[in-house]
Amino acid sequence: MTMLTLNAILKVMKEVPVNRLEELYQFIHSLTPATKQTETLRKKILSFGGAFSDMSNKDYNDYLNQTKKSRTKLFDRKIDL
């Protein structure tokens, strides 16, 4: 088996149909080290930005207050070990 060169791979990649480029990009990213995958994860996390934008300020503040109360109740308690 001959060793592939980057140029040989790039030539084949040029033949990929335009509608499949996103899939190819995601596949290539799945092969890269974890440090480079953090950028993909960061983009996924940021895609949730504005998820509460359709809530009124009052509803959003109520949500935040309830979340804080729940966290305090669940995680700020004394536990005997």
PDB file of N, CA and C in Angstrom:
ATOM      1  N   MET A   1       0.844  -1.174   0.000  1.00  0.00           N
ATOM      2  CA  MET A   1       0.000   0.000   0.000  1.00  0.00           C
ATOM      3  C   MET A   1       0.893   1.242   0.000  1.00  0.00           C
ATOM      4  N   THR A   2       0.585   2.177  -0.884  1.00  0.00           N
ATOM      5  CA  THR A   2       1.391   3.394  -0.948  1.00  0.00           C
ATOM      6  C   THR A   2       0.873   4.421   0.057  1.00  0.00           C
ATOM      7  N   MET A   3       1.795   5.229   0.523  1.00  0.00           N
ATOM      8  CA  MET A   3       1.429   6.241   1.499  1.00  0.00           C
ATOM      9  C   MET A   3       0.778   7.427   0.790  1.00  0.00           C
ATOM     10  N   LEU A   4      -0.379   7.824   1.297  1.00  0.00           N
ATOM     11  CA  LEU A   4      -1.078   8.967   0.719  1.00  0.00           C
ATOM     12  C   LEU A   4      -0.380  10.255   1.111  1.00  0.00           C
ATOM     13  N   THR A   5      -0.367  11.185   0.198  1.00  0.00           N
ATOM     14  CA  THR A   5       0.168  12.505   0.505  1.00  0.00           C
ATOM     15  C   THR A   5      -1.007  13.459   0.693  1.00  0.00           C
ATOM     16  N   LEU A   6      -0.745  14.564   1.316  1.00  0.00           N
ATOM     17  CA  LEU A   6      -1.780  15.570   1.527  1.00  0.00           C
ATOM     18  C   LEU A   6      -2.347  16.046   0.189  1.00  0.00           C
ATOM     19  N   ASN A   7      -1.486  16.207  -0.797  1.00  0.00           N
ATOM     20  CA  ASN A   7      -1.946  16.645  -2.121  1.00  0.00           C
ATOM     21  C   ASN A   7      -2.899  15.628  -2.749  1.00  0.00           C
ATOM     22  N   ALA A   8      -2.620  14.340  -2.585  1.00  0.00           N
ATOM     23  CA  ALA A   8      -3.496  13.308  -3.141  1.00  0.00           C
ATOM     24  C   ALA A   8      -4.862  13.354  -2.466  1.00  0.00           C
ATOM     25  N   ILE A   9      -4.860  13.562  -1.171  1.00  0.00           N
ATOM     26  CA  ILE A   9      -6.123  13.650  -0.427  1.00  0.00           C
ATOM     27  C   ILE A   9      -6.896  14.892  -0.853  1.00  0.00           C
ATOM     28  N   LEU A  10      -6.210  16.013  -0.988  1.00  0.00           N
ATOM     29  CA  LEU A  10      -6.872  17.251  -1.397  1.00  0.00           C
ATOM     30  C   LEU A  10      -7.483  17.125  -2.797  1.00  0.00           C
ATOM     31  N   LYS A  11      -6.805  16.423  -3.697  1.00  0.00           N
ATOM     32  CA  LYS A  11      -7.353  16.216  -5.045  1.00  0.00           C
ATOM     33  C   LYS A  11      -8.674  15.462  -4.977  1.00  0.00           C
ATOM     34  N   VAL A  12      -8.736  14.443  -4.140  1.00  0.00           N
ATOM     35  CA  VAL A  12      -9.966  13.664  -3.995  1.00  0.00           C
ATOM     36  C   VAL A  12     -11.047  14.526  -3.348  1.00  0.00           C
ATOM     37  N   MET A  13     -10.657  15.324  -2.372  1.00  0.00           N
ATOM     38  CA  MET A  13     -11.625  16.172  -1.676  1.00  0.00           C
ATOM     39  C   MET A  13     -12.253  17.207  -2.612  1.00  0.00           C
ATOM     40  N   LYS A  14     -11.516  17.631  -3.638  1.00  0.00           N
ATOM     41  CA  LYS A  14     -12.059  18.591  -4.602  1.00  0.00           C
ATOM     42  C   LYS A  14     -13.239  18.013  -5.367  1.00  0.00           C
ATOM     43  N   GLU A  15     -13.336  16.704  -5.421  1.00  0.00           N
ATOM     44  CA  GLU A  15     -14.411  16.039  -6.158  1.00  0.00           C
ATOM     45  C   GLU A  15     -15.680  15.842  -5.331  1.00  0.00           C
ATOM     46  N   VAL A  16     -15.613  16.168  -4.048  1.00  0.00           N
ATOM     47  CA  VAL A  16     -16.776  15.997  -3.172  1.00  0.00           C
ATOM     48  C   VAL A  16     -17.848  17.008  -3.592  1.00  0.00           C
ATOM     49  N   PRO A  17     -19.098  16.550  -3.775  1.00  0.00           N
ATOM     50  CA  PRO A  17     -20.170  17.478  -4.157  1.00  0.00           C
ATOM     51  C   PRO A  17     -20.374  18.557  -3.093  1.00  0.00           C
ATOM     52  N   VAL A  18     -20.735  19.736  -3.537  1.00  0.00           N
ATOM     53  CA  VAL A  18     -20.891  20.882  -2.641  1.00  0.00           C
ATOM     54  C   VAL A  18     -21.883  20.577  -1.519  1.00  0.00           C
ATOM     55  N   ASN A  19     -22.943  19.848  -1.823  1.00  0.00           N
ATOM     56  CA  ASN A  19     -23.954  19.564  -0.800  1.00  0.00           C
ATOM     57  C   ASN A  19     -23.467  18.575   0.259  1.00  0.00           C
ATOM     58  N   ARG A  20     -22.289  18.014   0.098  1.00  0.00           N
ATOM     59  CA  ARG A  20     -21.732  17.075   1.082  1.00  0.00           C
ATOM     60  C   ARG A  20     -20.534  17.655   1.832  1.00  0.00           C
ATOM     61  N   LEU A  21     -20.179  18.904   1.547  1.00  0.00           N
ATOM     62  CA  LEU A  21     -18.995  19.500   2.169  1.00  0.00           C
ATOM     63  C   LEU A  21     -19.127  19.628   3.684  1.00  0.00           C
ATOM     64  N   GLU A  22     -20.306  19.988   4.192  1.00  0.00           N
ATOM     65  CA  GLU A  22     -20.504  20.096   5.645  1.00  0.00           C
ATOM     66  C   GLU A  22     -20.261  18.745   6.309  1.00  0.00           C
ATOM     67  N   GLU A  23     -20.774  17.694   5.701  1.00  0.00           N
ATOM     68  CA  GLU A  23     -20.575  16.340   6.234  1.00  0.00           C
ATOM     69  C   GLU A  23     -19.087  15.979   6.238  1.00  0.00           C
ATOM     70  N   LEU A  24     -18.389  16.308   5.175  1.00  0.00           N
ATOM     71  CA  LEU A  24     -16.948  16.055   5.094  1.00  0.00           C
ATOM     72  C   LEU A  24     -16.205  16.839   6.164  1.00  0.00           C
ATOM     73  N   TYR A  25     -16.579  18.098   6.339  1.00  0.00           N
ATOM     74  CA  TYR A  25     -15.956  18.941   7.348  1.00  0.00           C
ATOM     75  C   TYR A  25     -16.135  18.346   8.740  1.00  0.00           C
ATOM     76  N   GLN A  26     -17.355  17.926   9.059  1.00  0.00           N
ATOM     77  CA  GLN A  26     -17.621  17.325  10.371  1.00  0.00           C
ATOM     78  C   GLN A  26     -16.821  16.037  10.550  1.00  0.00           C
ATOM     79  N   PHE A  27     -16.712  15.243   9.505  1.00  0.00           N
ATOM     80  CA  PHE A  27     -15.938  13.998   9.591  1.00  0.00           C
ATOM     81  C   PHE A  27     -14.463  14.296   9.858  1.00  0.00           C
ATOM     82  N   ILE A  28     -13.917  15.251   9.132  1.00  0.00           N
ATOM     83  CA  ILE A  28     -12.502  15.610   9.334  1.00  0.00           C
ATOM     84  C   ILE A  28     -12.291  16.089  10.766  1.00  0.00           C
ATOM     85  N   HIS A  29     -13.232  16.903  11.270  1.00  0.00           N
ATOM     86  CA  HIS A  29     -13.121  17.371  12.651  1.00  0.00           C
ATOM     87  C   HIS A  29     -13.188  16.223  13.647  1.00  0.00           C
ATOM     88  N   SER A  30     -13.925  15.182  13.327  1.00  0.00           N
ATOM     89  CA  SER A  30     -14.012  14.047  14.255  1.00  0.00           C
ATOM     90  C   SER A  30     -12.687  13.304  14.362  1.00  0.00           C
ATOM     91  N   LEU A  31     -11.808  13.507  13.417  1.00  0.00           N
ATOM     92  CA  LEU A  31     -10.506  12.844  13.413  1.00  0.00           C
ATOM     93  C   LEU A  31      -9.396  13.674  14.048  1.00  0.00           C
ATOM     94  N   THR A  32      -9.677  14.928  14.361  1.00  0.00           N
ATOM     95  CA  THR A  32      -8.643  15.803  14.909  1.00  0.00           C
ATOM     96  C   THR A  32      -8.531  15.619  16.415  1.00  0.00           C
ATOM     97  N   PRO A  33      -7.406  16.027  16.984  1.00  0.00           N
ATOM     98  CA  PRO A  33      -7.229  15.909  18.441  1.00  0.00           C
ATOM     99  C   PRO A  33      -8.302  16.690  19.202  1.00  0.00           C
ATOM    100  N   ALA A  34      -8.530  16.307  20.431  1.00  0.00           N
ATOM    101  CA  ALA A  34      -9.586  16.897  21.263  1.00  0.00           C
ATOM    102  C   ALA A  34      -9.428  18.402  21.419  1.00  0.00           C
ATOM    103  N   THR A  35      -8.208  18.902  21.411  1.00  0.00           N
ATOM    104  CA  THR A  35      -8.019  20.347  21.587  1.00  0.00           C
ATOM    105  C   THR A  35      -8.668  21.129  20.458  1.00  0.00           C
ATOM    106  N   LYS A  36      -8.659  20.583  19.255  1.00  0.00           N
ATOM    107  CA  LYS A  36      -9.302  21.259  18.142  1.00  0.00           C
ATOM    108  C   LYS A  36     -10.810  21.040  18.171  1.00  0.00           C
ATOM    109  N   GLN A  37     -11.260  19.958  18.761  1.00  0.00           N
ATOM    110  CA  GLN A  37     -12.688  19.686  18.832  1.00  0.00           C
ATOM    111  C   GLN A  37     -13.388  20.622  19.802  1.00  0.00           C
ATOM    112  N   THR A  38     -12.632  21.261  20.686  1.00  0.00           N
ATOM    113  CA  THR A  38     -13.259  22.176  21.632  1.00  0.00           C
ATOM    114  C   THR A  38     -13.910  23.352  20.914  1.00  0.00           C
ATOM    115  N   GLU A  39     -13.384  23.746  19.764  1.00  0.00           N
ATOM    116  CA  GLU A  39     -13.994  24.835  18.992  1.00  0.00           C
ATOM    117  C   GLU A  39     -15.366  24.404  18.487  1.00  0.00           C
ATOM    118  N   THR A  40     -15.498  23.169  18.044  1.00  0.00           N
ATOM    119  CA  THR A  40     -16.790  22.656  17.599  1.00  0.00           C
ATOM    120  C   THR A  40     -17.762  22.628  18.768  1.00  0.00           C
ATOM    121  N   LEU A  41     -17.317  22.175  19.925  1.00  0.00           N
ATOM    122  CA  LEU A  41     -18.166  22.152  21.113  1.00  0.00           C
ATOM    123  C   LEU A  41     -18.574  23.567  21.509  1.00  0.00           C
ATOM    124  N   ARG A  42     -17.640  24.497  21.434  1.00  0.00           N
ATOM    125  CA  ARG A  42     -17.936  25.883  21.767  1.00  0.00           C
ATOM    126  C   ARG A  42     -19.030  26.438  20.869  1.00  0.00           C
ATOM    127  N   LYS A  43     -18.969  26.135  19.577  1.00  0.00           N
ATOM    128  CA  LYS A  43     -19.993  26.601  18.646  1.00  0.00           C
ATOM    129  C   LYS A  43     -21.350  25.985  18.966  1.00  0.00           C
ATOM    130  N   LYS A  44     -21.361  24.714  19.353  1.00  0.00           N
ATOM    131  CA  LYS A  44     -22.619  24.064  19.710  1.00  0.00           C
ATOM    132  C   LYS A  44     -23.227  24.715  20.945  1.00  0.00           C
ATOM    133  N   ILE A  45     -22.394  25.010  21.934  1.00  0.00           N
ATOM    134  CA  ILE A  45     -22.874  25.645  23.161  1.00  0.00           C
ATOM    135  C   ILE A  45     -23.415  27.041  22.849  1.00  0.00           C
ATOM    136  N   LEU A  46     -22.677  27.795  22.038  1.00  0.00           N
ATOM    137  CA  LEU A  46     -23.114  29.146  21.708  1.00  0.00           C
ATOM    138  C   LEU A  46     -24.395  29.159  20.881  1.00  0.00           C
ATOM    139  N   SER A  47     -24.721  28.051  20.230  1.00  0.00           N
ATOM    140  CA  SER A  47     -25.950  27.999  19.436  1.00  0.00           C
ATOM    141  C   SER A  47     -27.186  28.120  20.316  1.00  0.00           C
ATOM    142  N   PHE A  48     -27.036  27.904  21.631  1.00  0.00           N
ATOM    143  CA  PHE A  48     -28.163  28.054  22.551  1.00  0.00           C
ATOM    144  C   PHE A  48     -28.352  29.509  22.989  1.00  0.00           C
ATOM    145  N   GLY A  49     -27.446  30.377  22.598  1.00  0.00           N
ATOM    146  CA  GLY A  49     -27.559  31.788  22.954  1.00  0.00           C
ATOM    147  C   GLY A  49     -28.886  32.348  22.468  1.00  0.00           C
ATOM    148  N   GLY A  50     -29.539  33.096  23.316  1.00  0.00           N
ATOM    149  CA  GLY A  50     -30.826  33.674  22.963  1.00  0.00           C
ATOM    150  C   GLY A  50     -31.990  32.725  23.121  1.00  0.00           C
ATOM    151  N   ALA A  51     -31.758  31.562  23.731  1.00  0.00           N
ATOM    152  CA  ALA A  51     -32.824  30.570  23.884  1.00  0.00           C
ATOM    153  C   ALA A  51     -33.990  31.103  24.711  1.00  0.00           C
ATOM    154  N   PHE A  52     -33.725  32.074  25.574  1.00  0.00           N
ATOM    155  CA  PHE A  52     -34.782  32.637  26.420  1.00  0.00           C
ATOM    156  C   PHE A  52     -35.257  33.997  25.902  1.00  0.00           C
ATOM    157  N   SER A  53     -34.861  34.361  24.705  1.00  0.00           N
ATOM    158  CA  SER A  53     -35.159  35.706  24.209  1.00  0.00           C
ATOM    159  C   SER A  53     -36.652  35.953  23.998  1.00  0.00           C
ATOM    160  N   ASP A  54     -37.452  34.902  23.887  1.00  0.00           N
ATOM    161  CA  ASP A  54     -38.882  35.109  23.689  1.00  0.00           C
ATOM    162  C   ASP A  54     -39.632  35.250  25.013  1.00  0.00           C
ATOM    163  N   MET A  55     -38.915  35.160  26.144  1.00  0.00           N
ATOM    164  CA  MET A  55     -39.536  35.319  27.463  1.00  0.00           C
ATOM    165  C   MET A  55     -39.560  36.794  27.840  1.00  0.00           C
ATOM    166  N   SER A  56     -40.580  37.185  28.576  1.00  0.00           N
ATOM    167  CA  SER A  56     -40.614  38.553  29.099  1.00  0.00           C
ATOM    168  C   SER A  56     -39.546  38.679  30.179  1.00  0.00           C
ATOM    169  N   ASN A  57     -39.155  39.904  30.479  1.00  0.00           N
ATOM    170  CA  ASN A  57     -38.155  40.124  31.536  1.00  0.00           C
ATOM    171  C   ASN A  57     -38.647  39.590  32.866  1.00  0.00           C
ATOM    172  N   LYS A  58     -39.935  39.764  33.153  1.00  0.00           N
ATOM    173  CA  LYS A  58     -40.502  39.281  34.410  1.00  0.00           C
ATOM    174  C   LYS A  58     -40.410  37.759  34.483  1.00  0.00           C
ATOM    175  N   ASP A  59     -40.817  37.060  33.412  1.00  0.00           N
ATOM    176  CA  ASP A  59     -40.751  35.602  33.402  1.00  0.00           C
ATOM    177  C   ASP A  59     -39.310  35.113  33.511  1.00  0.00           C
ATOM    178  N   TYR A  60     -38.393  35.787  32.812  1.00  0.00           N
ATOM    179  CA  TYR A  60     -36.994  35.392  32.862  1.00  0.00           C
ATOM    180  C   TYR A  60     -36.429  35.583  34.273  1.00  0.00           C
ATOM    181  N   ASN A  61     -36.738  36.701  34.902  1.00  0.00           N
ATOM    182  CA  ASN A  61     -36.270  36.943  36.282  1.00  0.00           C
ATOM    183  C   ASN A  61     -36.883  35.932  37.252  1.00  0.00           C
ATOM    184  N   ASP A  62     -38.153  35.587  37.055  1.00  0.00           N
ATOM    185  CA  ASP A  62     -38.773  34.548  37.883  1.00  0.00           C
ATOM    186  C   ASP A  62     -38.049  33.212  37.699  1.00  0.00           C
ATOM    187  N   TYR A  63     -37.715  32.899  36.450  1.00  0.00           N
ATOM    188  CA  TYR A  63     -36.976  31.666  36.142  1.00  0.00           C
ATOM    189  C   TYR A  63     -35.623  31.664  36.863  1.00  0.00           C
ATOM    190  N   LEU A  64     -34.892  32.781  36.775  1.00  0.00           N
ATOM    191  CA  LEU A  64     -33.581  32.861  37.435  1.00  0.00           C
ATOM    192  C   LEU A  64     -33.703  32.712  38.944  1.00  0.00           C
ATOM    193  N   ASN A  65     -34.678  33.384  39.535  1.00  0.00           N
ATOM    194  CA  ASN A  65     -34.868  33.288  40.988  1.00  0.00           C
ATOM    195  C   ASN A  65     -35.221  31.870  41.405  1.00  0.00           C
ATOM    196  N   GLN A  66     -36.094  31.225  40.669  1.00  0.00           N
ATOM    197  CA  GLN A  66     -36.475  29.848  40.996  1.00  0.00           C
ATOM    198  C   GLN A  66     -35.284  28.903  40.853  1.00  0.00           C
ATOM    199  N   THR A  67     -34.474  29.120  39.825  1.00  0.00           N
ATOM    200  CA  THR A  67     -33.276  28.296  39.612  1.00  0.00           C
ATOM    201  C   THR A  67     -32.299  28.464  40.774  1.00  0.00           C
ATOM    202  N   LYS A  68     -32.097  29.692  41.210  1.00  0.00           N
ATOM    203  CA  LYS A  68     -31.197  29.949  42.348  1.00  0.00           C
ATOM    204  C   LYS A  68     -31.711  29.282  43.620  1.00  0.00           C
ATOM    205  N   LYS A  69     -33.016  29.377  43.859  1.00  0.00           N
ATOM    206  CA  LYS A  69     -33.600  28.732  45.038  1.00  0.00           C
ATOM    207  C   LYS A  69     -33.411  27.223  44.983  1.00  0.00           C
ATOM    208  N   SER A  70     -33.641  26.640  43.812  1.00  0.00           N
ATOM    209  CA  SER A  70     -33.490  25.183  43.656  1.00  0.00           C
ATOM    210  C   SER A  70     -32.054  24.751  43.895  1.00  0.00           C
ATOM    211  N   ARG A  71     -31.109  25.495  43.353  1.00  0.00           N
ATOM    212  CA  ARG A  71     -29.694  25.165  43.548  1.00  0.00           C
ATOM    213  C   ARG A  71     -29.322  25.233  45.023  1.00  0.00           C
ATOM    214  N   THR A  72     -29.763  26.291  45.671  1.00  0.00           N
ATOM    215  CA  THR A  72     -29.459  26.451  47.097  1.00  0.00           C
ATOM    216  C   THR A  72     -30.046  25.291  47.890  1.00  0.00           C
ATOM    217  N   LYS A  73     -31.280  24.968  47.601  1.00  0.00           N
ATOM    218  CA  LYS A  73     -31.955  23.891  48.326  1.00  0.00           C
ATOM    219  C   LYS A  73     -31.273  22.538  48.093  1.00  0.00           C
ATOM    220  N   LEU A  74     -30.828  22.306  46.875  1.00  0.00           N
ATOM    221  CA  LEU A  74     -30.235  21.013  46.538  1.00  0.00           C
ATOM    222  C   LEU A  74     -28.768  20.888  46.947  1.00  0.00           C
ATOM    223  N   PHE A  75     -28.007  21.961  46.811  1.00  0.00           N
ATOM    224  CA  PHE A  75     -26.564  21.831  46.945  1.00  0.00           C
ATOM    225  C   PHE A  75     -25.946  22.551  48.133  1.00  0.00           C
ATOM    226  N   ASP A  76     -26.668  23.412  48.797  1.00  0.00           N
ATOM    227  CA  ASP A  76     -26.101  24.139  49.939  1.00  0.00           C
ATOM    228  C   ASP A  76     -26.665  23.589  51.254  1.00  0.00           C
ATOM    229  N   ARG A  77     -26.614  22.319  51.419  1.00  0.00           N
ATOM    230  CA  ARG A  77     -27.143  21.717  52.651  1.00  0.00           C
ATOM    231  C   ARG A  77     -26.030  20.948  53.356  1.00  0.00           C
ATOM    232  N   LYS A  78     -26.159  20.832  54.642  1.00  0.00           N
ATOM    233  CA  LYS A  78     -25.179  20.100  55.438  1.00  0.00           C
ATOM    234  C   LYS A  78     -25.394  18.608  55.261  1.00  0.00           C
ATOM    235  N   ILE A  79     -24.314  17.916  55.039  1.00  0.00           N
ATOM    236  CA  ILE A  79     -24.380  16.461  54.874  1.00  0.00           C
ATOM    237  C   ILE A  79     -23.418  15.838  55.875  1.00  0.00           C
ATOM    238  N   ASP A  80     -23.918  14.921  56.688  1.00  0.00           N
ATOM    239  CA  ASP A  80     -23.074  14.186  57.635  1.00  0.00           C
ATOM    240  C   ASP A  80     -22.447  13.006  56.920  1.00  0.00           C
ATOM    241  N   LEU A  81     -21.135  12.979  56.936  1.00  0.00           N
ATOM    242  CA  LEU A  81     -20.422  11.879  56.280  1.00  0.00           C
ATOM    243  C   LEU A  81     -19.939  10.881  57.264  1.00  0.00           C
TER     244      LEU A  81
END
